[in-house]
PDB file of N, CA and C in Angstrom:
ATOM      1  N   UNK A   1       0.946  -1.195   0.080  1.00  0.00           N
ATOM      2  CA  UNK A   1       0.180   0.186   0.099  1.00  0.00           C
ATOM      3  C   UNK A   1       0.956   1.255   0.026  1.00  0.00           C
ATOM      4  N   UNK A   2       0.619   2.158  -1.008  1.00  0.00           N
ATOM      5  CA  UNK A   2       1.405   3.465  -0.665  1.00  0.00           C
ATOM      6  C   UNK A   2       1.147   4.254   0.565  1.00  0.00           C
ATOM      7  N   UNK A   3       2.080   4.915   0.700  1.00  0.00           N
ATOM      8  CA  UNK A   3       2.003   5.820   1.875  1.00  0.00           C
ATOM      9  C   UNK A   3       1.039   6.862   1.950  1.00  0.00           C
ATOM     10  N   UNK A   4       0.480   7.436   0.810  1.00  0.00           N
ATOM     11  CA  UNK A   4      -0.335   8.281   0.638  1.00  0.00           C
ATOM     12  C   UNK A   4      -1.995   7.752   1.085  1.00  0.00           C
ATOM     13  N   UNK A   5      -2.081   6.558   0.338  1.00  0.00           N
ATOM     14  CA  UNK A   5      -3.071   5.985   0.690  1.00  0.00           C
ATOM     15  C   UNK A   5      -3.312   5.543   2.151  1.00  0.00           C
ATOM     16  N   UNK A   6      -2.209   5.122   2.707  1.00  0.00           N
ATOM     17  CA  UNK A   6      -2.274   4.555   4.016  1.00  0.00           C
ATOM     18  C   UNK A   6      -2.871   5.851   4.995  1.00  0.00           C
ATOM     19  N   UNK A   7      -2.138   6.927   4.592  1.00  0.00           N
ATOM     20  CA  UNK A   7      -2.390   8.165   5.465  1.00  0.00           C
ATOM     21  C   UNK A   7      -3.842   8.823   5.188  1.00  0.00           C
ATOM     22  N   UNK A   8      -4.282   8.389   4.149  1.00  0.00           N
ATOM     23  CA  UNK A   8      -5.634   9.203   3.692  1.00  0.00           C
ATOM     24  C   UNK A   8      -6.729   7.995   4.460  1.00  0.00           C
ATOM     25  N   UNK A   9      -6.610   7.008   4.416  1.00  0.00           N
ATOM     26  CA  UNK A   9      -7.328   5.783   5.302  1.00  0.00           C
ATOM     27  C   UNK A   9      -7.310   6.252   6.693  1.00  0.00           C
ATOM     28  N   UNK A  10      -6.093   6.156   7.365  1.00  0.00           N
ATOM     29  CA  UNK A  10      -5.916   6.721   8.762  1.00  0.00           C
ATOM     30  C   UNK A  10      -6.791   7.741   9.011  1.00  0.00           C
ATOM     31  N   UNK A  11      -6.592   8.991   8.075  1.00  0.00           N
ATOM     32  CA  UNK A  11      -7.102  10.166   8.335  1.00  0.00           C
ATOM     33  C   UNK A  11      -8.653  10.191   8.244  1.00  0.00           C
ATOM     34  N   UNK A  12      -8.812   9.477   7.386  1.00  0.00           N
ATOM     35  CA  UNK A  12     -10.437   9.127   7.286  1.00  0.00           C
ATOM     36  C   UNK A  12     -11.142   8.453   8.594  1.00  0.00           C
ATOM     37  N   UNK A  13     -10.536   7.315   9.094  1.00  0.00           N
ATOM     38  CA  UNK A  13     -10.918   6.683  10.072  1.00  0.00           C
ATOM     39  C   UNK A  13     -10.812   7.636  11.485  1.00  0.00           C
ATOM     40  N   UNK A  14      -9.990   8.555  11.705  1.00  0.00           N
ATOM     41  CA  UNK A  14      -9.846   9.370  12.515  1.00  0.00           C
ATOM     42  C   UNK A  14     -11.040  10.659  12.790  1.00  0.00           C
ATOM     43  N   UNK A  15     -11.151  11.158  11.228  1.00  0.00           N
ATOM     44  CA  UNK A  15     -12.545  11.960  11.355  1.00  0.00           C
ATOM     45  C   UNK A  15     -13.827  11.441  11.476  1.00  0.00           C
ATOM     46  N   UNK A  16     -13.943  10.088  10.803  1.00  0.00           N
ATOM     47  CA  UNK A  16     -15.228   9.417  10.910  1.00  0.00           C
ATOM     48  C   UNK A  16     -15.412   9.201  12.335  1.00  0.00           C
ATOM     49  N   UNK A  17     -14.406   8.745  13.606  1.00  0.00           N
ATOM     50  CA  UNK A  17     -14.506   8.542  14.848  1.00  0.00           C
ATOM     51  C   UNK A  17     -14.677   9.867  15.694  1.00  0.00           C
ATOM     52  N   UNK A  18     -14.199  10.913  15.087  1.00  0.00           N
ATOM     53  CA  UNK A  18     -14.580  12.315  15.617  1.00  0.00           C
ATOM     54  C   UNK A  18     -16.057  12.670  15.542  1.00  0.00           C
ATOM     55  N   UNK A  19     -16.197  12.564  14.339  1.00  0.00           N
ATOM     56  CA  UNK A  19     -17.648  12.729  14.028  1.00  0.00           C
ATOM     57  C   UNK A  19     -18.945  12.110  14.474  1.00  0.00           C
ATOM     58  N   UNK A  20     -18.699  10.759  14.778  1.00  0.00           N
ATOM     59  CA  UNK A  20     -19.507   9.679  15.259  1.00  0.00           C
ATOM     60  C   UNK A  20     -19.395   9.609  16.683  1.00  0.00           C
ATOM     61  N   UNK A  21     -18.372  10.027  17.523  1.00  0.00           N
ATOM     62  CA  UNK A  21     -18.091  10.044  18.768  1.00  0.00           C
ATOM     63  C   UNK A  21     -18.654  11.437  19.522  1.00  0.00           C
ATOM     64  N   UNK A  22     -18.760  12.511  18.833  1.00  0.00           N
ATOM     65  CA  UNK A  22     -19.138  13.737  19.239  1.00  0.00           C
ATOM     66  C   UNK A  22     -20.441  13.855  19.667  1.00  0.00           C
ATOM     67  N   UNK A  23     -21.473  13.286  19.014  1.00  0.00           N
ATOM     68  CA  UNK A  23     -23.062  13.306  19.554  1.00  0.00           C
ATOM     69  C   UNK A  23     -23.032  12.243  20.743  1.00  0.00           C
ATOM     70  N   UNK A  24     -22.352  11.329  20.987  1.00  0.00           N
ATOM     71  CA  UNK A  24     -22.802  10.451  22.002  1.00  0.00           C
ATOM     72  C   UNK A  24     -22.397  11.068  23.140  1.00  0.00           C
ATOM     73  N   UNK A  25     -21.213  12.054  23.307  1.00  0.00           N
ATOM     74  CA  UNK A  25     -20.734  12.171  24.502  1.00  0.00           C
ATOM     75  C   UNK A  25     -21.855  13.258  25.321  1.00  0.00           C
ATOM     76  N   UNK A  26     -22.557  14.286  24.722  1.00  0.00           N
ATOM     77  CA  UNK A  26     -23.601  14.907  25.108  1.00  0.00           C
ATOM     78  C   UNK A  26     -24.780  14.087  25.660  1.00  0.00           C
ATOM     79  N   UNK A  27     -25.159  13.269  24.818  1.00  0.00           N
ATOM     80  CA  UNK A  27     -26.312  12.365  24.893  1.00  0.00           C
ATOM     81  C   UNK A  27     -26.326  11.209  26.118  1.00  0.00           C
ATOM     82  N   UNK A  28     -24.903  11.078  26.498  1.00  0.00           N
ATOM     83  CA  UNK A  28     -24.405  10.245  27.400  1.00  0.00           C
ATOM     84  C   UNK A  28     -24.664  11.098  28.969  1.00  0.00           C
ATOM     85  N   UNK A  29     -24.329  12.281  29.049  1.00  0.00           N
ATOM     86  CA  UNK A  29     -24.286  13.189  29.801  1.00  0.00           C
ATOM     87  C   UNK A  29     -25.949  13.661  30.180  1.00  0.00           C
ATOM     88  N   UNK A  30     -26.816  13.567  29.463  1.00  0.00           N
ATOM     89  CA  UNK A  30     -27.883  14.085  29.363  1.00  0.00           C
ATOM     90  C   UNK A  30     -28.758  12.822  29.928  1.00  0.00           C
ATOM     91  N   UNK A  31     -28.472  11.670  29.482  1.00  0.00           N
ATOM     92  CA  UNK A  31     -29.026  10.564  30.107  1.00  0.00           C
ATOM     93  C   UNK A  31     -28.654  10.208  31.321  1.00  0.00           C
ATOM     94  N   UNK A  32     -27.576  10.261  31.540  1.00  0.00           N
ATOM     95  CA  UNK A  32     -26.915  10.383  33.153  1.00  0.00           C
ATOM     96  C   UNK A  32     -27.706  11.151  34.058  1.00  0.00           C
ATOM     97  N   UNK A  33     -27.854  12.288  33.740  1.00  0.00           N
ATOM     98  CA  UNK A  33     -28.383  13.335  34.404  1.00  0.00           C
ATOM     99  C   UNK A  33     -30.025  13.089  34.709  1.00  0.00           C
ATOM    100  N   UNK A  34     -30.513  12.553  33.553  1.00  0.00           N
ATOM    101  CA  UNK A  34     -32.019  12.059  33.627  1.00  0.00           C
ATOM    102  C   UNK A  34     -32.186  10.969  34.594  1.00  0.00           C
ATOM    103  N   UNK A  35     -31.388  10.000  34.714  1.00  0.00           N
ATOM    104  CA  UNK A  35     -31.249   8.967  35.333  1.00  0.00           C
ATOM    105  C   UNK A  35     -31.162   9.277  36.987  1.00  0.00           C
ATOM    106  N   UNK A  36     -30.171  10.224  37.363  1.00  0.00           N
ATOM    107  CA  UNK A  36     -30.100  10.776  38.468  1.00  0.00           C
ATOM    108  C   UNK A  36     -31.195  11.574  39.148  1.00  0.00           C
ATOM    109  N   UNK A  37     -31.801  11.922  38.278  1.00  0.00           N
ATOM    110  CA  UNK A  37     -33.018  12.776  38.595  1.00  0.00           C
ATOM    111  C   UNK A  37     -34.246  11.921  38.946  1.00  0.00           C
ATOM    112  N   UNK A  38     -34.669  11.267  38.186  1.00  0.00           N
ATOM    113  CA  UNK A  38     -35.234   9.856  38.415  1.00  0.00           C
ATOM    114  C   UNK A  38     -34.933   9.151  39.849  1.00  0.00           C
ATOM    115  N   UNK A  39     -33.761   8.880  39.989  1.00  0.00           N
ATOM    116  CA  UNK A  39     -33.354   8.347  41.397  1.00  0.00           C
ATOM    117  C   UNK A  39     -33.773   9.130  42.524  1.00  0.00           C
ATOM    118  N   UNK A  40     -33.278  10.524  42.352  1.00  0.00           N
ATOM    119  CA  UNK A  40     -33.739  11.497  43.091  1.00  0.00           C
ATOM    120  C   UNK A  40     -35.553  11.484  43.699  1.00  0.00           C
ATOM    121  N   UNK A  41     -36.186  11.507  42.421  1.00  0.00           N
ATOM    122  CA  UNK A  41     -37.400  11.548  42.724  1.00  0.00           C
ATOM    123  C   UNK A  41     -37.943  10.062  43.601  1.00  0.00           C
ATOM    124  N   UNK A  42     -37.315   9.286  43.315  1.00  0.00           N
ATOM    125  CA  UNK A  42     -37.566   7.845  44.185  1.00  0.00           C
ATOM    126  C   UNK A  42     -37.110   7.905  45.287  1.00  0.00           C
ATOM    127  N   UNK A  43     -36.135   8.561  45.831  1.00  0.00           N
ATOM    128  CA  UNK A  43     -35.520   8.660  47.032  1.00  0.00           C
ATOM    129  C   UNK A  43     -36.568   9.917  47.847  1.00  0.00           C
ATOM    130  N   UNK A  44     -36.984  10.835  47.053  1.00  0.00           N
ATOM    131  CA  UNK A  44     -38.058  11.627  47.652  1.00  0.00           C
ATOM    132  C   UNK A  44     -39.270  10.917  48.091  1.00  0.00           C
ATOM    133  N   UNK A  45     -39.551  10.107  47.241  1.00  0.00           N
ATOM    134  CA  UNK A  45     -40.965   9.082  47.327  1.00  0.00           C
ATOM    135  C   UNK A  45     -40.653   8.443  48.577  1.00  0.00           C
ATOM    136  N   UNK A  46     -39.581   7.890  48.848  1.00  0.00           N
ATOM    137  CA  UNK A  46     -39.765   6.912  49.920  1.00  0.00           C
ATOM    138  C   UNK A  46     -39.380   7.834  51.339  1.00  0.00           C
ATOM    139  N   UNK A  47     -38.654   9.141  51.159  1.00  0.00           N
ATOM    140  CA  UNK A  47     -38.583  10.099  52.246  1.00  0.00           C
ATOM    141  C   UNK A  47     -40.152  10.418  52.554  1.00  0.00           C
ATOM    142  N   UNK A  48     -40.912  10.843  51.589  1.00  0.00           N
ATOM    143  CA  UNK A  48     -42.428  11.096  51.985  1.00  0.00           C
ATOM    144  C   UNK A  48     -43.128   9.786  52.753  1.00  0.00           C
ATOM    145  N   UNK A  49     -43.083   8.814  52.100  1.00  0.00           N
ATOM    146  CA  UNK A  49     -43.580   7.743  52.565  1.00  0.00           C
ATOM    147  C   UNK A  49     -43.368   7.353  54.080  1.00  0.00           C
ATOM    148  N   UNK A  50     -41.901   7.151  54.462  1.00  0.00           N
ATOM    149  CA  UNK A  50     -41.477   7.011  55.838  1.00  0.00           C
ATOM    150  C   UNK A  50     -41.438   8.083  56.786  1.00  0.00           C
ATOM    151  N   UNK A  51     -41.236   9.438  56.138  1.00  0.00           N
ATOM    152  CA  UNK A  51     -41.264  10.616  56.959  1.00  0.00           C
ATOM    153  C   UNK A  51     -42.523  11.311  57.173  1.00  0.00           C
ATOM    154  N   UNK A  52     -43.724  10.885  56.843  1.00  0.00           N
ATOM    155  CA  UNK A  52     -44.884  11.218  57.162  1.00  0.00           C
ATOM    156  C   UNK A  52     -45.253  10.922  58.761  1.00  0.00           C
ATOM    157  N   UNK A  53     -44.821  10.058  59.215  1.00  0.00           N
ATOM    158  CA  UNK A  53     -44.939   9.879  60.692  1.00  0.00           C
ATOM    159  C   UNK A  53     -44.373  10.841  61.539  1.00  0.00           C
ATOM    160  N   UNK A  54     -43.373  11.667  61.262  1.00  0.00           N
ATOM    161  CA  UNK A  54     -42.588  12.505  61.828  1.00  0.00           C
ATOM    162  C   UNK A  54     -43.047  14.064  61.153  1.00  0.00           C
ATOM    163  N   UNK A  55     -43.946  13.850  60.282  1.00  0.00           N
ATOM    164  CA  UNK A  55     -44.065  15.328  59.810  1.00  0.00           C
ATOM    165  C   UNK A  55     -43.369  16.019  58.702  1.00  0.00           C
ATOM    166  N   UNK A  56     -42.604  15.260  57.876  1.00  0.00           N
ATOM    167  CA  UNK A  56     -41.648  15.629  57.148  1.00  0.00           C
ATOM    168  C   UNK A  56     -42.168  15.459  55.706  1.00  0.00           C
ATOM    169  N   UNK A  57     -42.646  16.413  54.821  1.00  0.00           N
ATOM    170  CA  UNK A  57     -42.901  16.164  53.398  1.00  0.00           C
ATOM    171  C   UNK A  57     -42.277  17.295  52.686  1.00  0.00           C
ATOM    172  N   UNK A  58     -41.340  16.638  52.023  1.00  0.00           N
ATOM    173  CA  UNK A  58     -40.819  17.313  50.483  1.00  0.00           C
ATOM    174  C   UNK A  58     -41.266  17.234  49.345  1.00  0.00           C
ATOM    175  N   UNK A  59     -41.924  18.144  48.723  1.00  0.00           N
ATOM    176  CA  UNK A  59     -42.678  17.963  47.602  1.00  0.00           C
ATOM    177  C   UNK A  59     -41.699  17.627  46.607  1.00  0.00           C
ATOM    178  N   UNK A  60     -42.051  16.766  45.547  1.00  0.00           N
ATOM    179  CA  UNK A  60     -41.311  16.212  44.566  1.00  0.00           C
ATOM    180  C   UNK A  60     -41.454  17.089  43.187  1.00  0.00           C
ATOM    181  N   UNK A  61     -40.594  17.746  42.639  1.00  0.00           N
ATOM    182  CA  UNK A  61     -40.674  18.582  41.836  1.00  0.00           C
ATOM    183  C   UNK A  61     -39.257  18.781  41.059  1.00  0.00           C
ATOM    184  N   UNK A  62     -38.954  19.127  39.845  1.00  0.00           N
ATOM    185  CA  UNK A  62     -37.853  18.810  39.233  1.00  0.00           C
ATOM    186  C   UNK A  62     -36.400  19.397  40.214  1.00  0.00           C
ATOM    187  N   UNK A  63     -36.640  20.484  40.761  1.00  0.00           N
ATOM    188  CA  UNK A  63     -35.754  21.050  41.576  1.00  0.00           C
ATOM    189  C   UNK A  63     -35.016  20.472  42.780  1.00  0.00           C
ATOM    190  N   UNK A  64     -36.002  19.721  43.563  1.00  0.00           N
ATOM    191  CA  UNK A  64     -35.877  19.066  44.719  1.00  0.00           C
ATOM    192  C   UNK A  64     -35.481  17.539  44.102  1.00  0.00           C
ATOM    193  N   UNK A  65     -36.022  16.863  43.073  1.00  0.00           N
ATOM    194  CA  UNK A  65     -35.248  15.654  42.646  1.00  0.00           C
ATOM    195  C   UNK A  65     -34.150  15.952  41.993  1.00  0.00           C
ATOM    196  N   UNK A  66     -33.592  17.022  41.383  1.00  0.00           N
ATOM    197  CA  UNK A  66     -32.338  17.171  40.911  1.00  0.00           C
ATOM    198  C   UNK A  66     -31.345  17.182  42.199  1.00  0.00           C
ATOM    199  N   UNK A  67     -31.747  18.013  43.315  1.00  0.00           N
ATOM    200  CA  UNK A  67     -30.632  18.056  44.336  1.00  0.00           C
ATOM    201  C   UNK A  67     -30.591  16.600  44.926  1.00  0.00           C
ATOM    202  N   UNK A  68     -31.721  15.939  45.247  1.00  0.00           N
ATOM    203  CA  UNK A  68     -31.699  14.547  45.733  1.00  0.00           C
ATOM    204  C   UNK A  68     -30.713  13.598  44.813  1.00  0.00           C
ATOM    205  N   UNK A  69     -31.058  13.779  43.477  1.00  0.00           N
ATOM    206  CA  UNK A  69     -30.406  12.727  42.722  1.00  0.00           C
ATOM    207  C   UNK A  69     -28.886  12.940  42.400  1.00  0.00           C
ATOM    208  N   UNK A  70     -28.544  14.235  42.599  1.00  0.00           N
ATOM    209  CA  UNK A  70     -27.127  14.778  42.326  1.00  0.00           C
ATOM    210  C   UNK A  70     -26.330  14.591  43.684  1.00  0.00           C
ATOM    211  N   UNK A  71     -26.776  14.663  44.777  1.00  0.00           N
ATOM    212  CA  UNK A  71     -26.313  14.845  45.886  1.00  0.00           C
ATOM    213  C   UNK A  71     -26.529  13.322  46.553  1.00  0.00           C
ATOM    214  N   UNK A  72     -27.376  12.871  46.183  1.00  0.00           N
ATOM    215  CA  UNK A  72     -27.819  11.644  46.882  1.00  0.00           C
ATOM    216  C   UNK A  72     -28.263  11.418  48.370  1.00  0.00           C
ATOM    217  N   UNK A  73     -27.900  10.418  49.007  1.00  0.00           N
ATOM    218  CA  UNK A  73     -28.537  10.783  50.473  1.00  0.00           C
ATOM    219  C   UNK A  73     -28.336  11.854  51.118  1.00  0.00           C
ATOM    220  N   UNK A  74     -27.098  12.645  51.190  1.00  0.00           N
ATOM    221  CA  UNK A  74     -27.008  13.535  51.761  1.00  0.00           C
ATOM    222  C   UNK A  74     -27.893  14.968  51.402  1.00  0.00           C
ATOM    223  N   UNK A  75     -28.259  14.740  50.017  1.00  0.00           N
ATOM    224  CA  UNK A  75     -29.095  15.803  49.546  1.00  0.00           C
ATOM    225  C   UNK A  75     -30.472  15.604  50.071  1.00  0.00           C
ATOM    226  N   UNK A  76     -31.013  14.533  50.386  1.00  0.00           N
ATOM    227  CA  UNK A  76     -32.216  14.001  50.841  1.00  0.00           C
ATOM    228  C   UNK A  76     -32.356  14.589  52.349  1.00  0.00           C
ATOM    229  N   UNK A  77     -31.052  14.307  52.950  1.00  0.00           N
ATOM    230  CA  UNK A  77     -31.056  14.428  54.406  1.00  0.00           C
ATOM    231  C   UNK A  77     -31.224  16.123  54.544  1.00  0.00           C
ATOM    232  N   UNK A  78     -30.675  16.991  53.971  1.00  0.00           N
ATOM    233  CA  UNK A  78     -30.534  18.342  53.654  1.00  0.00           C
ATOM    234  C   UNK A  78     -31.884  19.016  53.208  1.00  0.00           C
ATOM    235  N   UNK A  79     -32.442  18.213  52.157  1.00  0.00           N
ATOM    236  CA  UNK A  79     -33.954  18.707  51.901  1.00  0.00           C
ATOM    237  C   UNK A  79     -34.903  18.558  53.067  1.00  0.00           C
ATOM    238  N   UNK A  80     -34.538  17.308  53.859  1.00  0.00           N
ATOM    239  CA  UNK A  80     -35.720  16.881  54.835  1.00  0.00           C
ATOM    240  C   UNK A  80     -35.358  18.138  55.983  1.00  0.00           C
ATOM    241  N   UNK A  81     -33.950  18.475  56.396  1.00  0.00           N
ATOM    242  CA  UNK A  81     -33.829  19.439  57.265  1.00  0.00           C
ATOM    243  C   UNK A  81     -34.364  20.664  57.051  1.00  0.00           C
ATOM    244  N   UNK A  82     -34.170  20.784  55.657  1.00  0.00           N
ATOM    245  CA  UNK A  82     -34.638  22.379  55.130  1.00  0.00           C
ATOM    246  C   UNK A  82     -36.193  22.441  55.636  1.00  0.00           C
ATOM    247  N   UNK A  83     -36.882  21.393  55.197  1.00  0.00           N
ATOM    248  CA  UNK A  83     -38.295  21.097  55.275  1.00  0.00           C
ATOM    249  C   UNK A  83     -38.875  21.228  56.660  1.00  0.00           C
ATOM    250  N   UNK A  84     -37.937  20.345  57.477  1.00  0.00           N
ATOM    251  CA  UNK A  84     -38.568  20.234  58.871  1.00  0.00           C
ATOM    252  C   UNK A  84     -38.378  21.493  59.710  1.00  0.00           C
ATOM    253  N   UNK A  85     -37.125  22.120  59.535  1.00  0.00           N
ATOM    254  CA  UNK A  85     -36.636  23.141  60.568  1.00  0.00           C
ATOM    255  C   UNK A  85     -36.862  24.766  59.920  1.00  0.00           C
ATOM    256  N   UNK A  86     -36.553  24.912  58.805  1.00  0.00           N
ATOM    257  CA  UNK A  86     -36.732  26.186  58.230  1.00  0.00           C
ATOM    258  C   UNK A  86     -38.203  26.673  57.631  1.00  0.00           C
ATOM    259  N   UNK A  87     -38.726  25.670  56.857  1.00  0.00           N
ATOM    260  CA  UNK A  87     -40.184  25.968  56.385  1.00  0.00           C
ATOM    261  C   UNK A  87     -41.296  25.487  57.324  1.00  0.00           C
TER     262      UNK A  87
END
């Protein structure tokens, strides 16, 4: 194989990977964020189910679900503390 053809094939493969790989990263980030928000809503559902006996009710909306999803259990505890003591 001639060097010019070899370089052309390698350059074409690199450009193909760059073009095909570029849309995957933002979609992976958005998909991961969406999954975390869903998990946060599930955490809040269980907090509301079990926190009803002590008078804690955190509304499930996109903002609280995002906080609970991205911060995890500490975020749920922070939302419960804010709801219980501040509001």
